[in-house]
Every structure is written in structure tokens, then in C-alpha cells.
């Protein structure tokens, strides 16, 4: 179990509050999904993050990478197809 200091808890609550304010600025699906990925990346302290959206049949309908340049994305090849971790 991780015990947070009062300051760490206050920082996380402030970040969560800021995230909720940012999420409602533009409610188009693509913008909201991008913001979710960006905020998750920031909270995790990760360099990259991605979100895959699958339909009812398990087919990947959206793949949203954040923190990568267009060149880095191009170098990774074709986007995932909804198998592996994203499909789960």
C-alpha cells in the first residue's frame, strides 16, 4: 500500500480537478479521448501513452498515441488491429 503525504494528495486532487475542467471544454469525442490519454500520460509520468477503442466485435476503431512525434509514429509501422493487450 502506498501512503501519500498531504502535499502529494493535494497535488493529485488539484490535477484531477484541472483535468475535469479541461475535459469539458470541448466535448467532441476525438478531443475528449486525446485529453484523457494526455492526462493519463501526465499523471503516470510516462513519455508516451495510447488509447485503443474497439467496437463490439473487437475491431480497433480508433488508436490515439500521445507523446510521439509523427515521425516516431510512422516508424512504428501500422497501428494495432485490436489484438493483444488492446483487444483485451
PDB file of N, CA and C in Angstrom:
ATOM      1  N   UNK A   1       0.834  -1.179   0.000  1.00  0.00           N
ATOM      2  CA  UNK A   1       0.000   0.000   0.000  1.00  0.00           C
ATOM      3  C   UNK A   1       0.885   1.250   0.000  1.00  0.00           C
ATOM      4  N   UNK A   2       0.568   2.177  -0.870  1.00  0.00           N
ATOM      5  CA  UNK A   2       1.327   3.430  -0.964  1.00  0.00           C
ATOM      6  C   UNK A   2       0.630   4.485  -0.121  1.00  0.00           C
ATOM      7  N   UNK A   3       1.397   5.111   0.745  1.00  0.00           N
ATOM      8  CA  UNK A   3       0.859   6.180   1.586  1.00  0.00           C
ATOM      9  C   UNK A   3       1.355   7.503   1.027  1.00  0.00           C
ATOM     10  N   UNK A   4       0.422   8.367   0.718  1.00  0.00           N
ATOM     11  CA  UNK A   4       0.773   9.680   0.173  1.00  0.00           C
ATOM     12  C   UNK A   4       0.873  10.709   1.280  1.00  0.00           C
ATOM     13  N   UNK A   5       1.782  11.653   1.078  1.00  0.00           N
ATOM     14  CA  UNK A   5       1.849  12.773   2.005  1.00  0.00           C
ATOM     15  C   UNK A   5       0.671  13.699   1.711  1.00  0.00           C
ATOM     16  N   UNK A   6       0.424  14.590   2.620  1.00  0.00           N
ATOM     17  CA  UNK A   6      -0.660  15.562   2.415  1.00  0.00           C
ATOM     18  C   UNK A   6      -0.419  16.376   1.140  1.00  0.00           C
ATOM     19  N   UNK A   7       0.836  16.766   0.922  1.00  0.00           N
ATOM     20  CA  UNK A   7       1.171  17.560  -0.262  1.00  0.00           C
ATOM     21  C   UNK A   7       0.945  16.771  -1.546  1.00  0.00           C
ATOM     22  N   UNK A   8       1.346  15.494  -1.544  1.00  0.00           N
ATOM     23  CA  UNK A   8       1.139  14.658  -2.730  1.00  0.00           C
ATOM     24  C   UNK A   8      -0.345  14.489  -3.017  1.00  0.00           C
ATOM     25  N   UNK A   9      -1.130  14.274  -1.973  1.00  0.00           N
ATOM     26  CA  UNK A   9      -2.574  14.118  -2.138  1.00  0.00           C
ATOM     27  C   UNK A   9      -3.193  15.404  -2.675  1.00  0.00           C
ATOM     28  N   UNK A  10      -2.769  16.536  -2.154  1.00  0.00           N
ATOM     29  CA  UNK A  10      -3.284  17.825  -2.625  1.00  0.00           C
ATOM     30  C   UNK A  10      -2.918  18.053  -4.089  1.00  0.00           C
ATOM     31  N   UNK A  11      -1.679  17.681  -4.476  1.00  0.00           N
ATOM     32  CA  UNK A  11      -1.259  17.822  -5.870  1.00  0.00           C
ATOM     33  C   UNK A  11      -2.116  16.950  -6.784  1.00  0.00           C
ATOM     34  N   UNK A  12      -2.369  15.725  -6.368  1.00  0.00           N
ATOM     35  CA  UNK A  12      -3.184  14.822  -7.198  1.00  0.00           C
ATOM     36  C   UNK A  12      -4.620  15.308  -7.304  1.00  0.00           C
ATOM     37  N   UNK A  13      -5.165  15.797  -6.214  1.00  0.00           N
ATOM     38  CA  UNK A  13      -6.534  16.320  -6.261  1.00  0.00           C
ATOM     39  C   UNK A  13      -6.621  17.563  -7.146  1.00  0.00           C
ATOM     40  N   UNK A  14      -5.618  18.422  -7.073  1.00  0.00           N
ATOM     41  CA  UNK A  14      -5.596  19.608  -7.932  1.00  0.00           C
ATOM     42  C   UNK A  14      -5.479  19.204  -9.394  1.00  0.00           C
ATOM     43  N   UNK A  15      -4.651  18.199  -9.691  1.00  0.00           N
ATOM     44  CA  UNK A  15      -4.508  17.722 -11.071  1.00  0.00           C
ATOM     45  C   UNK A  15      -5.810  17.106 -11.561  1.00  0.00           C
ATOM     46  N   UNK A  16      -6.480  16.364 -10.708  1.00  0.00           N
ATOM     47  CA  UNK A  16      -7.766  15.769 -11.081  1.00  0.00           C
ATOM     48  C   UNK A  16      -8.812  16.850 -11.352  1.00  0.00           C
ATOM     49  N   UNK A  17      -8.826  17.870 -10.511  1.00  0.00           N
ATOM     50  CA  UNK A  17      -9.761  18.987 -10.712  1.00  0.00           C
ATOM     51  C   UNK A  17      -9.473  19.696 -12.034  1.00  0.00           C
ATOM     52  N   UNK A  18      -8.195  19.969 -12.300  1.00  0.00           N
ATOM     53  CA  UNK A  18      -7.806  20.622 -13.556  1.00  0.00           C
ATOM     54  C   UNK A  18      -8.191  19.755 -14.749  1.00  0.00           C
ATOM     55  N   UNK A  19      -7.968  18.452 -14.631  1.00  0.00           N
ATOM     56  CA  UNK A  19      -8.321  17.529 -15.714  1.00  0.00           C
ATOM     57  C   UNK A  19      -9.821  17.568 -15.985  1.00  0.00           C
ATOM     58  N   UNK A  20     -10.627  17.593 -14.943  1.00  0.00           N
ATOM     59  CA  UNK A  20     -12.074  17.624 -15.159  1.00  0.00           C
ATOM     60  C   UNK A  20     -12.498  18.912 -15.855  1.00  0.00           C
ATOM     61  N   UNK A  21     -11.842  20.018 -15.526  1.00  0.00           N
ATOM     62  CA  UNK A  21     -12.154  21.290 -16.193  1.00  0.00           C
ATOM     63  C   UNK A  21     -11.759  21.241 -17.664  1.00  0.00           C
ATOM     64  N   UNK A  22     -10.599  20.664 -17.965  1.00  0.00           N
ATOM     65  CA  UNK A  22     -10.125  20.579 -19.341  1.00  0.00           C
ATOM     66  C   UNK A  22     -11.004  19.659 -20.183  1.00  0.00           C
ATOM     67  N   UNK A  23     -11.477  18.587 -19.586  1.00  0.00           N
ATOM     68  CA  UNK A  23     -12.261  17.613 -20.347  1.00  0.00           C
ATOM     69  C   UNK A  23     -13.576  18.187 -20.861  1.00  0.00           C
ATOM     70  N   UNK A  24     -14.143  19.141 -20.164  1.00  0.00           N
ATOM     71  CA  UNK A  24     -15.451  19.655 -20.583  1.00  0.00           C
ATOM     72  C   UNK A  24     -15.360  20.888 -21.486  1.00  0.00           C
ATOM     73  N   UNK A  25     -14.151  21.315 -21.844  1.00  0.00           N
ATOM     74  CA  UNK A  25     -14.010  22.478 -22.717  1.00  0.00           C
ATOM     75  C   UNK A  25     -14.521  22.197 -24.123  1.00  0.00           C
ATOM     76  N   UNK A  26     -14.262  21.045 -24.645  1.00  0.00           N
ATOM     77  CA  UNK A  26     -14.695  20.650 -25.988  1.00  0.00           C
ATOM     78  C   UNK A  26     -15.135  19.202 -25.890  1.00  0.00           C
ATOM     79  N   UNK A  27     -16.408  18.949 -26.117  1.00  0.00           N
ATOM     80  CA  UNK A  27     -16.940  17.615 -25.889  1.00  0.00           C
ATOM     81  C   UNK A  27     -16.984  16.738 -27.139  1.00  0.00           C
ATOM     82  N   UNK A  28     -16.243  17.115 -28.191  1.00  0.00           N
ATOM     83  CA  UNK A  28     -16.182  16.221 -29.339  1.00  0.00           C
ATOM     84  C   UNK A  28     -15.403  14.977 -28.917  1.00  0.00           C
ATOM     85  N   UNK A  29     -15.826  13.816 -29.395  1.00  0.00           N
ATOM     86  CA  UNK A  29     -15.261  12.547 -28.946  1.00  0.00           C
ATOM     87  C   UNK A  29     -13.757  12.479 -29.125  1.00  0.00           C
ATOM     88  N   UNK A  30     -13.261  12.850 -30.287  1.00  0.00           N
ATOM     89  CA  UNK A  30     -11.821  12.763 -30.536  1.00  0.00           C
ATOM     90  C   UNK A  30     -11.022  13.645 -29.580  1.00  0.00           C
ATOM     91  N   UNK A  31     -11.507  14.849 -29.322  1.00  0.00           N
ATOM     92  CA  UNK A  31     -10.807  15.761 -28.411  1.00  0.00           C
ATOM     93  C   UNK A  31     -10.827  15.208 -26.990  1.00  0.00           C
ATOM     94  N   UNK A  32     -11.959  14.704 -26.538  1.00  0.00           N
ATOM     95  CA  UNK A  32     -12.055  14.145 -25.185  1.00  0.00           C
ATOM     96  C   UNK A  32     -11.125  12.948 -25.033  1.00  0.00           C
ATOM     97  N   UNK A  33     -11.090  12.059 -26.018  1.00  0.00           N
ATOM     98  CA  UNK A  33     -10.214  10.890 -25.941  1.00  0.00           C
ATOM     99  C   UNK A  33      -8.745  11.306 -25.910  1.00  0.00           C
ATOM    100  N   UNK A  34      -8.374  12.283 -26.727  1.00  0.00           N
ATOM    101  CA  UNK A  34      -6.995  12.769 -26.720  1.00  0.00           C
ATOM    102  C   UNK A  34      -6.631  13.369 -25.367  1.00  0.00           C
ATOM    103  N   UNK A  35      -7.539  14.115 -24.800  1.00  0.00           N
ATOM    104  CA  UNK A  35      -7.283  14.722 -23.489  1.00  0.00           C
ATOM    105  C   UNK A  35      -7.135  13.648 -22.413  1.00  0.00           C
ATOM    106  N   UNK A  36      -7.971  12.616 -22.466  1.00  0.00           N
ATOM    107  CA  UNK A  36      -7.878  11.533 -21.486  1.00  0.00           C
ATOM    108  C   UNK A  36      -6.501  10.880 -21.558  1.00  0.00           C
ATOM    109  N   UNK A  37      -6.053  10.596 -22.771  1.00  0.00           N
ATOM    110  CA  UNK A  37      -4.742   9.964 -22.931  1.00  0.00           C
ATOM    111  C   UNK A  37      -3.637  10.897 -22.442  1.00  0.00           C
ATOM    112  N   UNK A  38      -3.712  12.159 -22.792  1.00  0.00           N
ATOM    113  CA  UNK A  38      -2.695  13.132 -22.363  1.00  0.00           C
ATOM    114  C   UNK A  38      -2.663  13.254 -20.845  1.00  0.00           C
ATOM    115  N   UNK A  39      -3.815  13.352 -20.223  1.00  0.00           N
ATOM    116  CA  UNK A  39      -3.859  13.496 -18.771  1.00  0.00           C
ATOM    117  C   UNK A  39      -3.364  12.232 -18.073  1.00  0.00           C
ATOM    118  N   UNK A  40      -3.708  11.072 -18.604  1.00  0.00           N
ATOM    119  CA  UNK A  40      -3.220   9.811 -18.029  1.00  0.00           C
ATOM    120  C   UNK A  40      -1.701   9.734 -18.147  1.00  0.00           C
ATOM    121  N   UNK A  41      -1.170  10.141 -19.289  1.00  0.00           N
ATOM    122  CA  UNK A  41       0.281  10.153 -19.502  1.00  0.00           C
ATOM    123  C   UNK A  41       0.963  11.055 -18.484  1.00  0.00           C
ATOM    124  N   UNK A  42       0.404  12.236 -18.285  1.00  0.00           N
ATOM    125  CA  UNK A  42       0.983  13.180 -17.330  1.00  0.00           C
ATOM    126  C   UNK A  42       0.931  12.630 -15.912  1.00  0.00           C
ATOM    127  N   UNK A  43      -0.207  12.065 -15.514  1.00  0.00           N
ATOM    128  CA  UNK A  43      -0.348  11.550 -14.156  1.00  0.00           C
ATOM    129  C   UNK A  43       0.568  10.362 -13.903  1.00  0.00           C
ATOM    130  N   UNK A  44       0.808   9.569 -14.935  1.00  0.00           N
ATOM    131  CA  UNK A  44       1.693   8.412 -14.785  1.00  0.00           C
ATOM    132  C   UNK A  44       3.167   8.795 -14.908  1.00  0.00           C
ATOM    133  N   UNK A  45       3.416  10.014 -15.377  1.00  0.00           N
ATOM    134  CA  UNK A  45       4.787  10.433 -15.594  1.00  0.00           C
ATOM    135  C   UNK A  45       5.436   9.686 -16.749  1.00  0.00           C
ATOM    136  N   UNK A  46       4.624   9.278 -17.711  1.00  0.00           N
ATOM    137  CA  UNK A  46       5.111   8.493 -18.846  1.00  0.00           C
ATOM    138  C   UNK A  46       5.492   9.393 -20.014  1.00  0.00           C
ATOM    139  N   UNK A  47       6.406   8.920 -20.825  1.00  0.00           N
ATOM    140  CA  UNK A  47       6.797   9.671 -22.022  1.00  0.00           C
ATOM    141  C   UNK A  47       5.740   9.518 -23.109  1.00  0.00           C
ATOM    142  N   UNK A  48       5.186   8.310 -23.221  1.00  0.00           N
ATOM    143  CA  UNK A  48       4.181   8.013 -24.235  1.00  0.00           C
ATOM    144  C   UNK A  48       2.941   7.406 -23.574  1.00  0.00           C
ATOM    145  N   UNK A  49       1.821   7.536 -24.249  1.00  0.00           N
ATOM    146  CA  UNK A  49       0.594   6.847 -23.837  1.00  0.00           C
ATOM    147  C   UNK A  49      -0.252   6.658 -25.088  1.00  0.00           C
ATOM    148  N   UNK A  50      -1.121   5.689 -25.044  1.00  0.00           N
ATOM    149  CA  UNK A  50      -2.004   5.455 -26.186  1.00  0.00           C
ATOM    150  C   UNK A  50      -3.314   4.870 -25.682  1.00  0.00           C
ATOM    151  N   UNK A  51      -4.330   5.088 -26.466  1.00  0.00           N
ATOM    152  CA  UNK A  51      -5.650   4.555 -26.166  1.00  0.00           C
ATOM    153  C   UNK A  51      -6.182   3.890 -27.418  1.00  0.00           C
ATOM    154  N   UNK A  52      -6.669   2.695 -27.263  1.00  0.00           N
ATOM    155  CA  UNK A  52      -7.312   1.999 -28.361  1.00  0.00           C
ATOM    156  C   UNK A  52      -8.786   1.848 -28.058  1.00  0.00           C
ATOM    157  N   UNK A  53      -9.618   2.129 -29.027  1.00  0.00           N
ATOM    158  CA  UNK A  53     -11.059   1.975 -28.880  1.00  0.00           C
ATOM    159  C   UNK A  53     -11.499   0.854 -29.812  1.00  0.00           C
ATOM    160  N   UNK A  54     -12.157  -0.140 -29.250  1.00  0.00           N
ATOM    161  CA  UNK A  54     -12.624  -1.266 -30.056  1.00  0.00           C
ATOM    162  C   UNK A  54     -14.145  -1.257 -30.118  1.00  0.00           C
ATOM    163  N   UNK A  55     -14.687  -1.790 -31.221  1.00  0.00           N
ATOM    164  CA  UNK A  55     -16.135  -1.887 -31.352  1.00  0.00           C
ATOM    165  C   UNK A  55     -16.622  -3.181 -30.698  1.00  0.00           C
ATOM    166  N   UNK A  56     -17.904  -3.471 -30.828  1.00  0.00           N
ATOM    167  CA  UNK A  56     -18.495  -4.648 -30.192  1.00  0.00           C
ATOM    168  C   UNK A  56     -17.899  -5.965 -30.683  1.00  0.00           C
ATOM    169  N   UNK A  57     -17.368  -5.957 -31.894  1.00  0.00           N
ATOM    170  CA  UNK A  57     -16.777  -7.182 -32.434  1.00  0.00           C
ATOM    171  C   UNK A  57     -15.281  -7.296 -32.097  1.00  0.00           C
ATOM    172  N   UNK A  58     -14.737  -6.302 -31.394  1.00  0.00           N
ATOM    173  CA  UNK A  58     -13.338  -6.330 -31.020  1.00  0.00           C
ATOM    174  C   UNK A  58     -12.411  -5.683 -32.025  1.00  0.00           C
ATOM    175  N   UNK A  59     -12.982  -5.095 -33.076  1.00  0.00           N
ATOM    176  CA  UNK A  59     -12.165  -4.428 -34.092  1.00  0.00           C
ATOM    177  C   UNK A  59     -11.765  -3.038 -33.594  1.00  0.00           C
ATOM    178  N   UNK A  60     -10.486  -2.721 -33.763  1.00  0.00           N
ATOM    179  CA  UNK A  60      -9.983  -1.419 -33.346  1.00  0.00           C
ATOM    180  C   UNK A  60     -10.552  -0.336 -34.259  1.00  0.00           C
ATOM    181  N   UNK A  61     -11.240   0.628 -33.669  1.00  0.00           N
ATOM    182  CA  UNK A  61     -11.829   1.710 -34.462  1.00  0.00           C
ATOM    183  C   UNK A  61     -11.063   3.017 -34.333  1.00  0.00           C
ATOM    184  N   UNK A  62     -10.325   3.165 -33.234  1.00  0.00           N
ATOM    185  CA  UNK A  62      -9.501   4.355 -33.033  1.00  0.00           C
ATOM    186  C   UNK A  62      -8.249   3.940 -32.277  1.00  0.00           C
ATOM    187  N   UNK A  63      -7.140   4.566 -32.628  1.00  0.00           N
ATOM    188  CA  UNK A  63      -5.888   4.386 -31.890  1.00  0.00           C
ATOM    189  C   UNK A  63      -5.293   5.760 -31.715  1.00  0.00           C
ATOM    190  N   UNK A  64      -5.143   6.194 -30.480  1.00  0.00           N
ATOM    191  CA  UNK A  64      -4.713   7.557 -30.189  1.00  0.00           C
ATOM    192  C   UNK A  64      -3.407   7.520 -29.399  1.00  0.00           C
ATOM    193  N   UNK A  65      -2.273   7.712 -30.087  1.00  0.00           N
ATOM    194  CA  UNK A  65      -0.989   7.788 -29.383  1.00  0.00           C
ATOM    195  C   UNK A  65      -0.687   9.235 -29.000  1.00  0.00           C
ATOM    196  N   UNK A  66      -0.133   9.424 -27.818  1.00  0.00           N
ATOM    197  CA  UNK A  66       0.227  10.757 -27.333  1.00  0.00           C
ATOM    198  C   UNK A  66       1.683  10.715 -26.869  1.00  0.00           C
ATOM    199  N   UNK A  67       2.414  11.771 -27.164  1.00  0.00           N
ATOM    200  CA  UNK A  67       3.797  11.874 -26.715  1.00  0.00           C
ATOM    201  C   UNK A  67       4.798  11.420 -27.757  1.00  0.00           C
ATOM    202  N   UNK A  68       4.319  11.049 -28.925  1.00  0.00           N
ATOM    203  CA  UNK A  68       5.203  10.624 -30.008  1.00  0.00           C
ATOM    204  C   UNK A  68       5.096  11.626 -31.150  1.00  0.00           C
ATOM    205  N   UNK A  69       6.214  11.864 -31.797  1.00  0.00           N
ATOM    206  CA  UNK A  69       6.198  12.738 -32.960  1.00  0.00           C
ATOM    207  C   UNK A  69       5.575  11.975 -34.128  1.00  0.00           C
ATOM    208  N   UNK A  70       5.110  12.673 -35.158  1.00  0.00           N
ATOM    209  CA  UNK A  70       4.601  11.974 -36.343  1.00  0.00           C
ATOM    210  C   UNK A  70       5.639  11.019 -36.936  1.00  0.00           C
ATOM    211  N   UNK A  71       6.914  11.400 -36.873  1.00  0.00           N
ATOM    212  CA  UNK A  71       7.982  10.541 -37.386  1.00  0.00           C
ATOM    213  C   UNK A  71       8.089   9.256 -36.558  1.00  0.00           C
ATOM    214  N   UNK A  72       8.020   9.374 -35.238  1.00  0.00           N
ATOM    215  CA  UNK A  72       8.074   8.189 -34.376  1.00  0.00           C
ATOM    216  C   UNK A  72       6.874   7.272 -34.621  1.00  0.00           C
ATOM    217  N   UNK A  73       5.721   7.871 -34.811  1.00  0.00           N
ATOM    218  CA  UNK A  73       4.522   7.078 -35.096  1.00  0.00           C
ATOM    219  C   UNK A  73       4.687   6.340 -36.415  1.00  0.00           C
ATOM    220  N   UNK A  74       5.210   7.030 -37.422  1.00  0.00           N
ATOM    221  CA  UNK A  74       5.424   6.413 -38.726  1.00  0.00           C
ATOM    222  C   UNK A  74       6.381   5.235 -38.617  1.00  0.00           C
ATOM    223  N   UNK A  75       7.429   5.385 -37.829  1.00  0.00           N
ATOM    224  CA  UNK A  75       8.430   4.329 -37.679  1.00  0.00           C
ATOM    225  C   UNK A  75       7.879   3.086 -36.989  1.00  0.00           C
ATOM    226  N   UNK A  76       6.825   3.228 -36.214  1.00  0.00           N
ATOM    227  CA  UNK A  76       6.265   2.060 -35.526  1.00  0.00           C
ATOM    228  C   UNK A  76       5.495   1.152 -36.475  1.00  0.00           C
ATOM    229  N   UNK A  77       5.238   1.617 -37.679  1.00  0.00           N
ATOM    230  CA  UNK A  77       4.522   0.796 -38.650  1.00  0.00           C
ATOM    231  C   UNK A  77       3.019   0.970 -38.545  1.00  0.00           C
ATOM    232  N   UNK A  78       2.322  -0.045 -38.981  1.00  0.00           N
ATOM    233  CA  UNK A  78       0.858   0.013 -38.972  1.00  0.00           C
ATOM    234  C   UNK A  78       0.348   0.063 -37.534  1.00  0.00           C
ATOM    235  N   UNK A  79      -0.747   0.788 -37.322  1.00  0.00           N
ATOM    236  CA  UNK A  79      -1.309   0.821 -35.967  1.00  0.00           C
ATOM    237  C   UNK A  79      -1.838  -0.560 -35.574  1.00  0.00           C
ATOM    238  N   UNK A  80      -2.032  -0.777 -34.293  1.00  0.00           N
ATOM    239  CA  UNK A  80      -2.564  -2.065 -33.830  1.00  0.00           C
ATOM    240  C   UNK A  80      -3.920  -2.356 -34.465  1.00  0.00           C
ATOM    241  N   UNK A  81      -4.301  -3.614 -34.438  1.00  0.00           N
ATOM    242  CA  UNK A  81      -5.591  -4.000 -35.028  1.00  0.00           C
ATOM    243  C   UNK A  81      -6.582  -4.487 -33.979  1.00  0.00           C
ATOM    244  N   UNK A  82      -6.242  -4.378 -32.711  1.00  0.00           N
ATOM    245  CA  UNK A  82      -7.182  -4.751 -31.662  1.00  0.00           C
ATOM    246  C   UNK A  82      -6.953  -6.135 -31.115  1.00  0.00           C
ATOM    247  N   UNK A  83      -5.777  -6.672 -31.339  1.00  0.00           N
ATOM    248  CA  UNK A  83      -5.424  -7.959 -30.753  1.00  0.00           C
ATOM    249  C   UNK A  83      -4.419  -7.688 -29.644  1.00  0.00           C
ATOM    250  N   UNK A  84      -4.099  -8.654 -28.871  1.00  0.00           N
ATOM    251  CA  UNK A  84      -3.138  -8.434 -27.788  1.00  0.00           C
ATOM    252  C   UNK A  84      -3.771  -7.644 -26.662  1.00  0.00           C
ATOM    253  N   UNK A  85      -2.975  -6.771 -26.035  1.00  0.00           N
ATOM    254  CA  UNK A  85      -3.445  -6.035 -24.861  1.00  0.00           C
ATOM    255  C   UNK A  85      -4.630  -5.137 -25.168  1.00  0.00           C
ATOM    256  N   UNK A  86      -4.605  -4.457 -26.298  1.00  0.00           N
ATOM    257  CA  UNK A  86      -5.710  -3.554 -26.632  1.00  0.00           C
ATOM    258  C   UNK A  86      -7.001  -4.342 -26.813  1.00  0.00           C
ATOM    259  N   UNK A  87      -6.917  -5.504 -27.431  1.00  0.00           N
ATOM    260  CA  UNK A  87      -8.106  -6.321 -27.635  1.00  0.00           C
ATOM    261  C   UNK A  87      -8.701  -6.867 -26.352  1.00  0.00           C
ATOM    262  N   UNK A  88      -7.853  -7.004 -25.343  1.00  0.00           N
ATOM    263  CA  UNK A  88      -8.339  -7.493 -24.053  1.00  0.00           C
ATOM    264  C   UNK A  88      -9.078  -6.414 -23.325  1.00  0.00           C
TER     265      UNK A  88
END
